[in-house]
Amino acid sequence: MAEINLEHFLAVDIRVGTVIRAEEFPEARKPATKLWVDFGSEVGEKKSSAQITEHYDYNILVGKQVMGIVNFPPRQIGPFMSEVLILGFMDSDGSVILAVPDKPTPNGSSLC
């Protein structure tokens, strides 16, 4: 594993946001969900494609807080432009479990 310094870590802008819309993404090569996330007034609403279908049905995601890297460049995922990387961890089967704050947190709050 490569070591990084504090400057590298501080360059990654990780923020909390609330899912305001979620849809199935049948055009994706791997099962995925389209997310629209409110990251507060400074960052605004961002879209993401997330491979979280194993543990999260898109119908239950609205209102859920998530963590995302908001300063990656946008990435075209099929017909959808993903603007933020939603963070998660792999479970023992290789499926993604979302990284979330354990208490309600203001949208746009930065990881510190």
PDB file of N, CA and C in Angstrom:
ATOM      1  N   MET A   1       0.850  -1.173   0.000  1.00  0.00           N
ATOM      2  CA  MET A   1       0.000   0.000   0.000  1.00  0.00           C
ATOM      3  C   MET A   1       0.901   1.243   0.000  1.00  0.00           C
ATOM      4  N   ALA A   2       0.599   2.171  -0.882  1.00  0.00           N
ATOM      5  CA  ALA A   2       1.380   3.403  -0.974  1.00  0.00           C
ATOM      6  C   ALA A   2       1.023   4.341   0.172  1.00  0.00           C
ATOM      7  N   GLU A   3       2.036   4.957   0.745  1.00  0.00           N
ATOM      8  CA  GLU A   3       1.803   5.954   1.791  1.00  0.00           C
ATOM      9  C   GLU A   3       1.499   7.295   1.148  1.00  0.00           C
ATOM     10  N   ILE A   4       0.643   8.073   1.824  1.00  0.00           N
ATOM     11  CA  ILE A   4       0.388   9.446   1.398  1.00  0.00           C
ATOM     12  C   ILE A   4       0.694  10.359   2.577  1.00  0.00           C
ATOM     13  N   ASN A   5       0.819  11.641   2.282  1.00  0.00           N
ATOM     14  CA  ASN A   5       1.036  12.582   3.378  1.00  0.00           C
ATOM     15  C   ASN A   5      -0.256  13.361   3.641  1.00  0.00           C
ATOM     16  N   LEU A   6      -0.251  14.181   4.671  1.00  0.00           N
ATOM     17  CA  LEU A   6      -1.441  14.932   5.058  1.00  0.00           C
ATOM     18  C   LEU A   6      -1.932  15.827   3.925  1.00  0.00           C
ATOM     19  N   GLU A   7      -1.018  16.399   3.167  1.00  0.00           N
ATOM     20  CA  GLU A   7      -1.401  17.269   2.053  1.00  0.00           C
ATOM     21  C   GLU A   7      -2.241  16.502   1.019  1.00  0.00           C
ATOM     22  N   HIS A   8      -1.856  15.269   0.711  1.00  0.00           N
ATOM     23  CA  HIS A   8      -2.632  14.447  -0.221  1.00  0.00           C
ATOM     24  C   HIS A   8      -4.036  14.193   0.342  1.00  0.00           C
ATOM     25  N   PHE A   9      -4.102  13.821   1.609  1.00  0.00           N
ATOM     26  CA  PHE A   9      -5.393  13.533   2.230  1.00  0.00           C
ATOM     27  C   PHE A   9      -6.299  14.767   2.221  1.00  0.00           C
ATOM     28  N   LEU A  10      -5.736  15.920   2.553  1.00  0.00           N
ATOM     29  CA  LEU A  10      -6.534  17.141   2.611  1.00  0.00           C
ATOM     30  C   LEU A  10      -7.032  17.585   1.238  1.00  0.00           C
ATOM     31  N   ALA A  11      -6.414  17.092   0.166  1.00  0.00           N
ATOM     32  CA  ALA A  11      -6.852  17.431  -1.186  1.00  0.00           C
ATOM     33  C   ALA A  11      -8.144  16.709  -1.562  1.00  0.00           C
ATOM     34  N   VAL A  12      -8.489  15.641  -0.842  1.00  0.00           N
ATOM     35  CA  VAL A  12      -9.708  14.883  -1.112  1.00  0.00           C
ATOM     36  C   VAL A  12     -10.853  15.526  -0.337  1.00  0.00           C
ATOM     37  N   ASP A  13     -11.836  16.044  -1.053  1.00  0.00           N
ATOM     38  CA  ASP A  13     -12.956  16.750  -0.431  1.00  0.00           C
ATOM     39  C   ASP A  13     -14.110  15.769  -0.204  1.00  0.00           C
ATOM     40  N   ILE A  14     -14.194  15.227   1.019  1.00  0.00           N
ATOM     41  CA  ILE A  14     -15.231  14.266   1.392  1.00  0.00           C
ATOM     42  C   ILE A  14     -16.302  15.006   2.184  1.00  0.00           C
ATOM     43  N   ARG A  15     -17.540  14.934   1.690  1.00  0.00           N
ATOM     44  CA  ARG A  15     -18.651  15.647   2.314  1.00  0.00           C
ATOM     45  C   ARG A  15     -19.839  14.725   2.548  1.00  0.00           C
ATOM     46  N   VAL A  16     -20.705  15.152   3.445  1.00  0.00           N
ATOM     47  CA  VAL A  16     -21.960  14.453   3.726  1.00  0.00           C
ATOM     48  C   VAL A  16     -23.067  15.106   2.902  1.00  0.00           C
ATOM     49  N   GLY A  17     -23.940  14.264   2.366  1.00  0.00           N
ATOM     50  CA  GLY A  17     -25.093  14.761   1.645  1.00  0.00           C
ATOM     51  C   GLY A  17     -26.282  13.850   1.876  1.00  0.00           C
ATOM     52  N   THR A  18     -27.447  14.340   1.503  1.00  0.00           N
ATOM     53  CA  THR A  18     -28.683  13.580   1.639  1.00  0.00           C
ATOM     54  C   THR A  18     -29.212  13.223   0.255  1.00  0.00           C
ATOM     55  N   VAL A  19     -29.546  11.950   0.075  1.00  0.00           N
ATOM     56  CA  VAL A  19     -30.116  11.493  -1.192  1.00  0.00           C
ATOM     57  C   VAL A  19     -31.499  12.123  -1.344  1.00  0.00           C
ATOM     58  N   ILE A  20     -31.703  12.844  -2.453  1.00  0.00           N
ATOM     59  CA  ILE A  20     -32.990  13.485  -2.691  1.00  0.00           C
ATOM     60  C   ILE A  20     -33.778  12.784  -3.801  1.00  0.00           C
ATOM     61  N   ARG A  21     -33.096  11.927  -4.542  1.00  0.00           N
ATOM     62  CA  ARG A  21     -33.747  11.159  -5.610  1.00  0.00           C
ATOM     63  C   ARG A  21     -32.896   9.934  -5.915  1.00  0.00           C
ATOM     64  N   ALA A  22     -33.533   8.820  -6.222  1.00  0.00           N
ATOM     65  CA  ALA A  22     -32.821   7.587  -6.579  1.00  0.00           C
ATOM     66  C   ALA A  22     -33.644   6.834  -7.619  1.00  0.00           C
ATOM     67  N   GLU A  23     -32.950   6.282  -8.608  1.00  0.00           N
ATOM     68  CA  GLU A  23     -33.616   5.535  -9.675  1.00  0.00           C
ATOM     69  C   GLU A  23     -32.796   4.312 -10.042  1.00  0.00           C
ATOM     70  N   GLU A  24     -33.476   3.329 -10.592  1.00  0.00           N
ATOM     71  CA  GLU A  24     -32.784   2.184 -11.171  1.00  0.00           C
ATOM     72  C   GLU A  24     -31.935   2.681 -12.343  1.00  0.00           C
ATOM     73  N   PHE A  25     -30.858   1.947 -12.643  1.00  0.00           N
ATOM     74  CA  PHE A  25     -29.980   2.306 -13.751  1.00  0.00           C
ATOM     75  C   PHE A  25     -29.783   1.072 -14.631  1.00  0.00           C
ATOM     76  N   PRO A  26     -30.822   0.693 -15.382  1.00  0.00           N
ATOM     77  CA  PRO A  26     -30.757  -0.542 -16.151  1.00  0.00           C
ATOM     78  C   PRO A  26     -29.726  -0.521 -17.278  1.00  0.00           C
ATOM     79  N   GLU A  27     -29.306   0.665 -17.735  1.00  0.00           N
ATOM     80  CA  GLU A  27     -28.325   0.759 -18.818  1.00  0.00           C
ATOM     81  C   GLU A  27     -26.893   0.486 -18.363  1.00  0.00           C
ATOM     82  N   ALA A  28     -26.654   0.481 -17.058  1.00  0.00           N
ATOM     83  CA  ALA A  28     -25.299   0.264 -16.540  1.00  0.00           C
ATOM     84  C   ALA A  28     -24.840  -1.170 -16.822  1.00  0.00           C
ATOM     85  N   ARG A  29     -23.536  -1.344 -17.092  1.00  0.00           N
ATOM     86  CA  ARG A  29     -22.987  -2.682 -17.346  1.00  0.00           C
ATOM     87  C   ARG A  29     -23.076  -3.569 -16.113  1.00  0.00           C
ATOM     88  N   LYS A  30     -22.800  -2.998 -14.940  1.00  0.00           N
ATOM     89  CA  LYS A  30     -22.945  -3.709 -13.669  1.00  0.00           C
ATOM     90  C   LYS A  30     -24.146  -3.101 -12.956  1.00  0.00           C
ATOM     91  N   PRO A  31     -24.889  -3.908 -12.187  1.00  0.00           N
ATOM     92  CA  PRO A  31     -26.068  -3.362 -11.494  1.00  0.00           C
ATOM     93  C   PRO A  31     -25.714  -2.102 -10.689  1.00  0.00           C
ATOM     94  N   ALA A  32     -26.485  -1.046 -10.918  1.00  0.00           N
ATOM     95  CA  ALA A  32     -26.198   0.234 -10.266  1.00  0.00           C
ATOM     96  C   ALA A  32     -27.486   1.009 -10.039  1.00  0.00           C
ATOM     97  N   THR A  33     -27.351   2.045  -9.236  1.00  0.00           N
ATOM     98  CA  THR A  33     -28.451   2.956  -8.920  1.00  0.00           C
ATOM     99  C   THR A  33     -28.000   4.373  -9.235  1.00  0.00           C
ATOM    100  N   LYS A  34     -28.879   5.163  -9.844  1.00  0.00           N
ATOM    101  CA  LYS A  34     -28.621   6.586 -10.054  1.00  0.00           C
ATOM    102  C   LYS A  34     -29.043   7.324  -8.785  1.00  0.00           C
ATOM    103  N   LEU A  35     -28.178   8.194  -8.298  1.00  0.00           N
ATOM    104  CA  LEU A  35     -28.465   8.982  -7.099  1.00  0.00           C
ATOM    105  C   LEU A  35     -28.321  10.465  -7.396  1.00  0.00           C
ATOM    106  N   TRP A  36     -29.197  11.262  -6.810  1.00  0.00           N
ATOM    107  CA  TRP A  36     -29.062  12.712  -6.783  1.00  0.00           C
ATOM    108  C   TRP A  36     -28.930  13.069  -5.311  1.00  0.00           C
ATOM    109  N   VAL A  37     -27.823  13.744  -4.964  1.00  0.00           N
ATOM    110  CA  VAL A  37     -27.491  13.987  -3.561  1.00  0.00           C
ATOM    111  C   VAL A  37     -27.320  15.476  -3.321  1.00  0.00           C
ATOM    112  N   ASP A  38     -27.962  15.986  -2.252  1.00  0.00           N
ATOM    113  CA  ASP A  38     -27.821  17.384  -1.836  1.00  0.00           C
ATOM    114  C   ASP A  38     -26.636  17.485  -0.891  1.00  0.00           C
ATOM    115  N   PHE A  39     -25.559  18.146  -1.361  1.00  0.00           N
ATOM    116  CA  PHE A  39     -24.358  18.336  -0.550  1.00  0.00           C
ATOM    117  C   PHE A  39     -24.285  19.739   0.046  1.00  0.00           C
ATOM    118  N   GLY A  40     -25.412  20.389   0.243  1.00  0.00           N
ATOM    119  CA  GLY A  40     -25.449  21.699   0.892  1.00  0.00           C
ATOM    120  C   GLY A  40     -25.217  22.843  -0.078  1.00  0.00           C
ATOM    121  N   SER A  41     -25.310  24.064   0.455  1.00  0.00           N
ATOM    122  CA  SER A  41     -25.283  25.263  -0.394  1.00  0.00           C
ATOM    123  C   SER A  41     -23.952  25.488  -1.097  1.00  0.00           C
ATOM    124  N   GLU A  42     -22.843  25.106  -0.505  1.00  0.00           N
ATOM    125  CA  GLU A  42     -21.531  25.346  -1.111  1.00  0.00           C
ATOM    126  C   GLU A  42     -21.295  24.443  -2.327  1.00  0.00           C
ATOM    127  N   VAL A  43     -21.681  23.183  -2.239  1.00  0.00           N
ATOM    128  CA  VAL A  43     -21.439  22.205  -3.311  1.00  0.00           C
ATOM    129  C   VAL A  43     -22.672  22.026  -4.190  1.00  0.00           C
ATOM    130  N   GLY A  44     -23.852  22.020  -3.581  1.00  0.00           N
ATOM    131  CA  GLY A  44     -25.096  21.861  -4.319  1.00  0.00           C
ATOM    132  C   GLY A  44     -25.467  20.407  -4.546  1.00  0.00           C
ATOM    133  N   GLU A  45     -26.382  20.199  -5.495  1.00  0.00           N
ATOM    134  CA  GLU A  45     -26.862  18.859  -5.833  1.00  0.00           C
ATOM    135  C   GLU A  45     -25.908  18.228  -6.841  1.00  0.00           C
ATOM    136  N   LYS A  46     -25.530  16.983  -6.584  1.00  0.00           N
ATOM    137  CA  LYS A  46     -24.642  16.236  -7.489  1.00  0.00           C
ATOM    138  C   LYS A  46     -25.263  14.886  -7.790  1.00  0.00           C
ATOM    139  N   LYS A  47     -24.955  14.356  -8.987  1.00  0.00           N
ATOM    140  CA  LYS A  47     -25.442  13.039  -9.419  1.00  0.00           C
ATOM    141  C   LYS A  47     -24.329  12.015  -9.284  1.00  0.00           C
ATOM    142  N   SER A  48     -24.737  10.769  -9.054  1.00  0.00           N
ATOM    143  CA  SER A  48     -23.766   9.683  -8.974  1.00  0.00           C
ATOM    144  C   SER A  48     -24.403   8.373  -9.420  1.00  0.00           C
ATOM    145  N   SER A  49     -23.580   7.508  -9.980  1.00  0.00           N
ATOM    146  CA  SER A  49     -23.966   6.135 -10.256  1.00  0.00           C
ATOM    147  C   SER A  49     -23.249   5.291  -9.210  1.00  0.00           C
ATOM    148  N   ALA A  50     -24.001   4.518  -8.450  1.00  0.00           N
ATOM    149  CA  ALA A  50     -23.411   3.731  -7.361  1.00  0.00           C
ATOM    150  C   ALA A  50     -23.804   2.265  -7.482  1.00  0.00           C
ATOM    151  N   GLN A  51     -22.834   1.381  -7.366  1.00  0.00           N
ATOM    152  CA  GLN A  51     -23.078  -0.062  -7.443  1.00  0.00           C
ATOM    153  C   GLN A  51     -23.439  -0.583  -6.048  1.00  0.00           C
ATOM    154  N   ILE A  52     -24.650  -0.233  -5.624  1.00  0.00           N
ATOM    155  CA  ILE A  52     -25.099  -0.546  -4.265  1.00  0.00           C
ATOM    156  C   ILE A  52     -26.375  -1.379  -4.257  1.00  0.00           C
ATOM    157  N   THR A  53     -26.709  -2.003  -5.378  1.00  0.00           N
ATOM    158  CA  THR A  53     -28.001  -2.677  -5.520  1.00  0.00           C
ATOM    159  C   THR A  53     -28.143  -3.933  -4.663  1.00  0.00           C
ATOM    160  N   GLU A  54     -27.052  -4.520  -4.241  1.00  0.00           N
ATOM    161  CA  GLU A  54     -27.131  -5.753  -3.449  1.00  0.00           C
ATOM    162  C   GLU A  54     -27.753  -5.500  -2.070  1.00  0.00           C
ATOM    163  N   HIS A  55     -27.428  -4.355  -1.468  1.00  0.00           N
ATOM    164  CA  HIS A  55     -27.910  -4.060  -0.106  1.00  0.00           C
ATOM    165  C   HIS A  55     -28.958  -2.951  -0.045  1.00  0.00           C
ATOM    166  N   TYR A  56     -29.134  -2.176  -1.145  1.00  0.00           N
ATOM    167  CA  TYR A  56     -30.006  -1.001  -1.096  1.00  0.00           C
ATOM    168  C   TYR A  56     -30.929  -0.954  -2.306  1.00  0.00           C
ATOM    169  N   ASP A  57     -32.215  -1.060  -2.063  1.00  0.00           N
ATOM    170  CA  ASP A  57     -33.199  -0.859  -3.110  1.00  0.00           C
ATOM    171  C   ASP A  57     -33.348   0.650  -3.299  1.00  0.00           C
ATOM    172  N   TYR A  58     -33.444   1.090  -4.537  1.00  0.00           N
ATOM    173  CA  TYR A  58     -33.500   2.529  -4.794  1.00  0.00           C
ATOM    174  C   TYR A  58     -34.680   3.197  -4.095  1.00  0.00           C
ATOM    175  N   ASN A  59     -35.749   2.445  -3.813  1.00  0.00           N
ATOM    176  CA  ASN A  59     -36.942   3.017  -3.167  1.00  0.00           C
ATOM    177  C   ASN A  59     -36.703   3.464  -1.728  1.00  0.00           C
ATOM    178  N   ILE A  60     -35.686   2.929  -1.055  1.00  0.00           N
ATOM    179  CA  ILE A  60     -35.463   3.274   0.355  1.00  0.00           C
ATOM    180  C   ILE A  60     -34.334   4.285   0.555  1.00  0.00           C
ATOM    181  N   LEU A  61     -33.719   4.749  -0.524  1.00  0.00           N
ATOM    182  CA  LEU A  61     -32.536   5.607  -0.389  1.00  0.00           C
ATOM    183  C   LEU A  61     -32.851   7.084  -0.177  1.00  0.00           C
ATOM    184  N   VAL A  62     -33.998   7.553  -0.625  1.00  0.00           N
ATOM    185  CA  VAL A  62     -34.324   8.972  -0.469  1.00  0.00           C
ATOM    186  C   VAL A  62     -34.385   9.315   1.017  1.00  0.00           C
ATOM    187  N   GLY A  63     -33.670  10.374   1.394  1.00  0.00           N
ATOM    188  CA  GLY A  63     -33.592  10.798   2.790  1.00  0.00           C
ATOM    189  C   GLY A  63     -32.383  10.237   3.519  1.00  0.00           C
ATOM    190  N   LYS A  64     -31.693   9.261   2.945  1.00  0.00           N
ATOM    191  CA  LYS A  64     -30.515   8.662   3.580  1.00  0.00           C
ATOM    192  C   LYS A  64     -29.300   9.566   3.378  1.00  0.00           C
ATOM    193  N   GLN A  65     -28.535   9.743   4.418  1.00  0.00           N
ATOM    194  CA  GLN A  65     -27.296  10.503   4.298  1.00  0.00           C
ATOM    195  C   GLN A  65     -26.170   9.580   3.848  1.00  0.00           C
ATOM    196  N   VAL A  66     -25.319  10.101   2.967  1.00  0.00           N
ATOM    197  CA  VAL A  66     -24.186   9.359   2.427  1.00  0.00           C
ATOM    198  C   VAL A  66     -22.953  10.253   2.462  1.00  0.00           C
ATOM    199  N   MET A  67     -21.816   9.646   2.236  1.00  0.00           N
ATOM    200  CA  MET A  67     -20.561  10.395   2.138  1.00  0.00           C
ATOM    201  C   MET A  67     -20.047  10.266   0.714  1.00  0.00           C
ATOM    202  N   GLY A  68     -19.492  11.354   0.193  1.00  0.00           N
ATOM    203  CA  GLY A  68     -18.983  11.314  -1.171  1.00  0.00           C
ATOM    204  C   GLY A  68     -17.785  12.219  -1.367  1.00  0.00           C
ATOM    205  N   ILE A  69     -16.969  11.860  -2.344  1.00  0.00           N
ATOM    206  CA  ILE A  69     -15.854  12.719  -2.762  1.00  0.00           C
ATOM    207  C   ILE A  69     -16.411  13.645  -3.824  1.00  0.00           C
ATOM    208  N   VAL A  70     -16.415  14.945  -3.530  1.00  0.00           N
ATOM    209  CA  VAL A  70     -17.079  15.909  -4.408  1.00  0.00           C
ATOM    210  C   VAL A  70     -16.128  16.634  -5.347  1.00  0.00           C
ATOM    211  N   ASN A  71     -14.822  16.372  -5.243  1.00  0.00           N
ATOM    212  CA  ASN A  71     -13.891  17.085  -6.124  1.00  0.00           C
ATOM    213  C   ASN A  71     -13.184  16.179  -7.132  1.00  0.00           C
ATOM    214  N   PHE A  72     -13.779  15.023  -7.461  1.00  0.00           N
ATOM    215  CA  PHE A  72     -13.320  14.218  -8.591  1.00  0.00           C
ATOM    216  C   PHE A  72     -13.939  14.808  -9.856  1.00  0.00           C
ATOM    217  N   PRO A  73     -13.274  14.659 -10.993  1.00  0.00           N
ATOM    218  CA  PRO A  73     -13.904  15.133 -12.234  1.00  0.00           C
ATOM    219  C   PRO A  73     -15.110  14.262 -12.593  1.00  0.00           C
ATOM    220  N   PRO A  74     -16.097  14.830 -13.289  1.00  0.00           N
ATOM    221  CA  PRO A  74     -17.254  14.031 -13.716  1.00  0.00           C
ATOM    222  C   PRO A  74     -16.809  12.861 -14.597  1.00  0.00           C
ATOM    223  N   ARG A  75     -17.618  11.776 -14.555  1.00  0.00           N
ATOM    224  CA  ARG A  75     -17.294  10.579 -15.320  1.00  0.00           C
ATOM    225  C   ARG A  75     -18.560  10.074 -16.008  1.00  0.00           C
ATOM    226  N   GLN A  76     -18.452   9.842 -17.301  1.00  0.00           N
ATOM    227  CA  GLN A  76     -19.584   9.347 -18.075  1.00  0.00           C
ATOM    228  C   GLN A  76     -19.758   7.854 -17.816  1.00  0.00           C
ATOM    229  N   ILE A  77     -20.930   7.461 -17.313  1.00  0.00           N
ATOM    230  CA  ILE A  77     -21.265   6.058 -17.072  1.00  0.00           C
ATOM    231  C   ILE A  77     -22.440   5.743 -18.007  1.00  0.00           C
ATOM    232  N   GLY A  78     -22.150   5.175 -19.164  1.00  0.00           N
ATOM    233  CA  GLY A  78     -23.197   4.956 -20.159  1.00  0.00           C
ATOM    234  C   GLY A  78     -23.842   6.286 -20.510  1.00  0.00           C
ATOM    235  N   PRO A  79     -25.174   6.397 -20.438  1.00  0.00           N
ATOM    236  CA  PRO A  79     -25.843   7.650 -20.779  1.00  0.00           C
ATOM    237  C   PRO A  79     -25.925   8.646 -19.613  1.00  0.00           C
ATOM    238  N   PHE A  80     -25.269   8.349 -18.495  1.00  0.00           N
ATOM    239  CA  PHE A  80     -25.409   9.132 -17.259  1.00  0.00           C
ATOM    240  C   PHE A  80     -24.065   9.745 -16.877  1.00  0.00           C
ATOM    241  N   MET A  81     -24.061  11.036 -16.532  1.00  0.00           N
ATOM    242  CA  MET A  81     -22.849  11.711 -16.081  1.00  0.00           C
ATOM    243  C   MET A  81     -22.798  11.668 -14.554  1.00  0.00           C
ATOM    244  N   SER A  82     -21.819  10.939 -14.017  1.00  0.00           N
ATOM    245  CA  SER A  82     -21.628  10.831 -12.577  1.00  0.00           C
ATOM    246  C   SER A  82     -20.689  11.942 -12.127  1.00  0.00           C
ATOM    247  N   GLU A  83     -21.126  12.735 -11.149  1.00  0.00           N
ATOM    248  CA  GLU A  83     -20.381  13.927 -10.732  1.00  0.00           C
ATOM    249  C   GLU A  83     -19.681  13.790  -9.387  1.00  0.00           C
ATOM    250  N   VAL A  84     -19.958  12.727  -8.676  1.00  0.00           N
ATOM    251  CA  VAL A  84     -19.408  12.554  -7.329  1.00  0.00           C
ATOM    252  C   VAL A  84     -19.220  11.064  -7.083  1.00  0.00           C
ATOM    253  N   LEU A  85     -18.221  10.694  -6.294  1.00  0.00           N
ATOM    254  CA  LEU A  85     -17.990   9.299  -5.942  1.00  0.00           C
ATOM    255  C   LEU A  85     -18.571   9.040  -4.557  1.00  0.00           C
ATOM    256  N   ILE A  86     -19.624   8.229  -4.501  1.00  0.00           N
ATOM    257  CA  ILE A  86     -20.231   7.860  -3.227  1.00  0.00           C
ATOM    258  C   ILE A  86     -19.356   6.792  -2.583  1.00  0.00           C
ATOM    259  N   LEU A  87     -19.092   6.934  -1.293  1.00  0.00           N
ATOM    260  CA  LEU A  87     -18.151   6.050  -0.602  1.00  0.00           C
ATOM    261  C   LEU A  87     -18.840   4.874   0.068  1.00  0.00           C
ATOM    262  N   GLY A  88     -18.141   3.768   0.081  1.00  0.00           N
ATOM    263  CA  GLY A  88     -18.648   2.564   0.728  1.00  0.00           C
ATOM    264  C   GLY A  88     -17.516   1.585   0.975  1.00  0.00           C
ATOM    265  N   PHE A  89     -17.869   0.487   1.592  1.00  0.00           N
ATOM    266  CA  PHE A  89     -16.914  -0.576   1.920  1.00  0.00           C
ATOM    267  C   PHE A  89     -17.449  -1.887   1.355  1.00  0.00           C
ATOM    268  N   MET A  90     -16.552  -2.765   0.962  1.00  0.00           N
ATOM    269  CA  MET A  90     -16.952  -4.080   0.469  1.00  0.00           C
ATOM    270  C   MET A  90     -17.249  -5.012   1.639  1.00  0.00           C
ATOM    271  N   ASP A  91     -18.352  -5.752   1.534  1.00  0.00           N
ATOM    272  CA  ASP A  91     -18.628  -6.775   2.533  1.00  0.00           C
ATOM    273  C   ASP A  91     -17.880  -8.052   2.141  1.00  0.00           C
ATOM    274  N   SER A  92     -18.087  -9.123   2.865  1.00  0.00           N
ATOM    275  CA  SER A  92     -17.344 -10.365   2.613  1.00  0.00           C
ATOM    276  C   SER A  92     -17.684 -10.994   1.265  1.00  0.00           C
ATOM    277  N   ASP A  93     -18.810 -10.593   0.659  1.00  0.00           N
ATOM    278  CA  ASP A  93     -19.196 -11.107  -0.653  1.00  0.00           C
ATOM    279  C   ASP A  93     -18.801 -10.174  -1.797  1.00  0.00           C
ATOM    280  N   GLY A  94     -18.171  -9.039  -1.464  1.00  0.00           N
ATOM    281  CA  GLY A  94     -17.767  -8.079  -2.489  1.00  0.00           C
ATOM    282  C   GLY A  94     -18.835  -7.078  -2.861  1.00  0.00           C
ATOM    283  N   SER A  95     -19.912  -7.022  -2.108  1.00  0.00           N
ATOM    284  CA  SER A  95     -20.976  -6.039  -2.341  1.00  0.00           C
ATOM    285  C   SER A  95     -20.713  -4.795  -1.500  1.00  0.00           C
ATOM    286  N   VAL A  96     -21.179  -3.649  -1.980  1.00  0.00           N
ATOM    287  CA  VAL A  96     -20.886  -2.371  -1.326  1.00  0.00           C
ATOM    288  C   VAL A  96     -21.888  -2.057  -0.221  1.00  0.00           C
ATOM    289  N   ILE A  97     -21.334  -1.661   0.928  1.00  0.00           N
ATOM    290  CA  ILE A  97     -22.095  -1.128   2.057  1.00  0.00           C
ATOM    291  C   ILE A  97     -21.727   0.347   2.146  1.00  0.00           C
ATOM    292  N   LEU A  98     -22.712   1.227   2.144  1.00  0.00           N
ATOM    293  CA  LEU A  98     -22.462   2.662   2.149  1.00  0.00           C
ATOM    294  C   LEU A  98     -21.729   3.123   3.408  1.00  0.00           C
ATOM    295  N   ALA A  99     -20.821   4.085   3.220  1.00  0.00           N
ATOM    296  CA  ALA A  99     -20.185   4.788   4.337  1.00  0.00           C
ATOM    297  C   ALA A  99     -21.111   5.946   4.691  1.00  0.00           C
ATOM    298  N   VAL A 100     -21.618   5.948   5.913  1.00  0.00           N
ATOM    299  CA  VAL A 100     -22.603   6.950   6.322  1.00  0.00           C
ATOM    300  C   VAL A 100     -22.251   7.497   7.705  1.00  0.00           C
ATOM    301  N   PRO A 101     -22.657   8.745   8.001  1.00  0.00           N
ATOM    302  CA  PRO A 101     -22.484   9.243   9.370  1.00  0.00           C
ATOM    303  C   PRO A 101     -23.448   8.507  10.301  1.00  0.00           C
ATOM    304  N   ASP A 102     -23.058   8.312  11.544  1.00  0.00           N
ATOM    305  CA  ASP A 102     -23.935   7.567  12.459  1.00  0.00           C
ATOM    306  C   ASP A 102     -24.936   8.449  13.191  1.00  0.00           C
ATOM    307  N   LYS A 103     -24.881   9.760  12.962  1.00  0.00           N
ATOM    308  CA  LYS A 103     -25.865  10.693  13.502  1.00  0.00           C
ATOM    309  C   LYS A 103     -26.192  11.708  12.399  1.00  0.00           C
ATOM    310  N   PRO A 104     -27.384  12.317  12.439  1.00  0.00           N
ATOM    311  CA  PRO A 104     -27.708  13.335  11.428  1.00  0.00           C
ATOM    312  C   PRO A 104     -26.643  14.428  11.387  1.00  0.00           C
ATOM    313  N   THR A 105     -26.239  14.780  10.180  1.00  0.00           N
ATOM    314  CA  THR A 105     -25.134  15.708   9.975  1.00  0.00           C
ATOM    315  C   THR A 105     -25.560  16.732   8.926  1.00  0.00           C
ATOM    316  N   PRO A 106     -25.216  18.008   9.102  1.00  0.00           N
ATOM    317  CA  PRO A 106     -25.607  19.011   8.104  1.00  0.00           C
ATOM    318  C   PRO A 106     -25.038  18.670   6.730  1.00  0.00           C
ATOM    319  N   ASN A 107     -25.885  18.774   5.695  1.00  0.00           N
ATOM    320  CA  ASN A 107     -25.412  18.549   4.331  1.00  0.00           C
ATOM    321  C   ASN A 107     -24.249  19.487   4.024  1.00  0.00           C
ATOM    322  N   GLY A 108     -23.229  18.941   3.389  1.00  0.00           N
ATOM    323  CA  GLY A 108     -22.053  19.734   3.031  1.00  0.00           C
ATOM    324  C   GLY A 108     -20.942  19.668   4.055  1.00  0.00           C
ATOM    325  N   SER A 109     -21.199  19.048   5.223  1.00  0.00           N
ATOM    326  CA  SER A 109     -20.145  18.948   6.235  1.00  0.00           C
ATOM    327  C   SER A 109     -18.972  18.140   5.682  1.00  0.00           C
ATOM    328  N   SER A 110     -17.757  18.612   5.954  1.00  0.00           N
ATOM    329  CA  SER A 110     -16.540  17.954   5.480  1.00  0.00           C
ATOM    330  C   SER A 110     -16.032  16.957   6.496  1.00  0.00           C
ATOM    331  N   LEU A 111     -15.417  15.892   5.974  1.00  0.00           N
ATOM    332  CA  LEU A 111     -14.730  14.939   6.833  1.00  0.00           C
ATOM    333  C   LEU A 111     -13.537  15.654   7.444  1.00  0.00           C
ATOM    334  N   CYS A 112     -13.350  15.477   8.746  1.00  0.00           N
ATOM    335  CA  CYS A 112     -12.211  16.130   9.400  1.00  0.00           C
ATOM    336  C   CYS A 112     -11.410  15.138  10.204  1.00  0.00           C
TER     337      CYS A 112
END
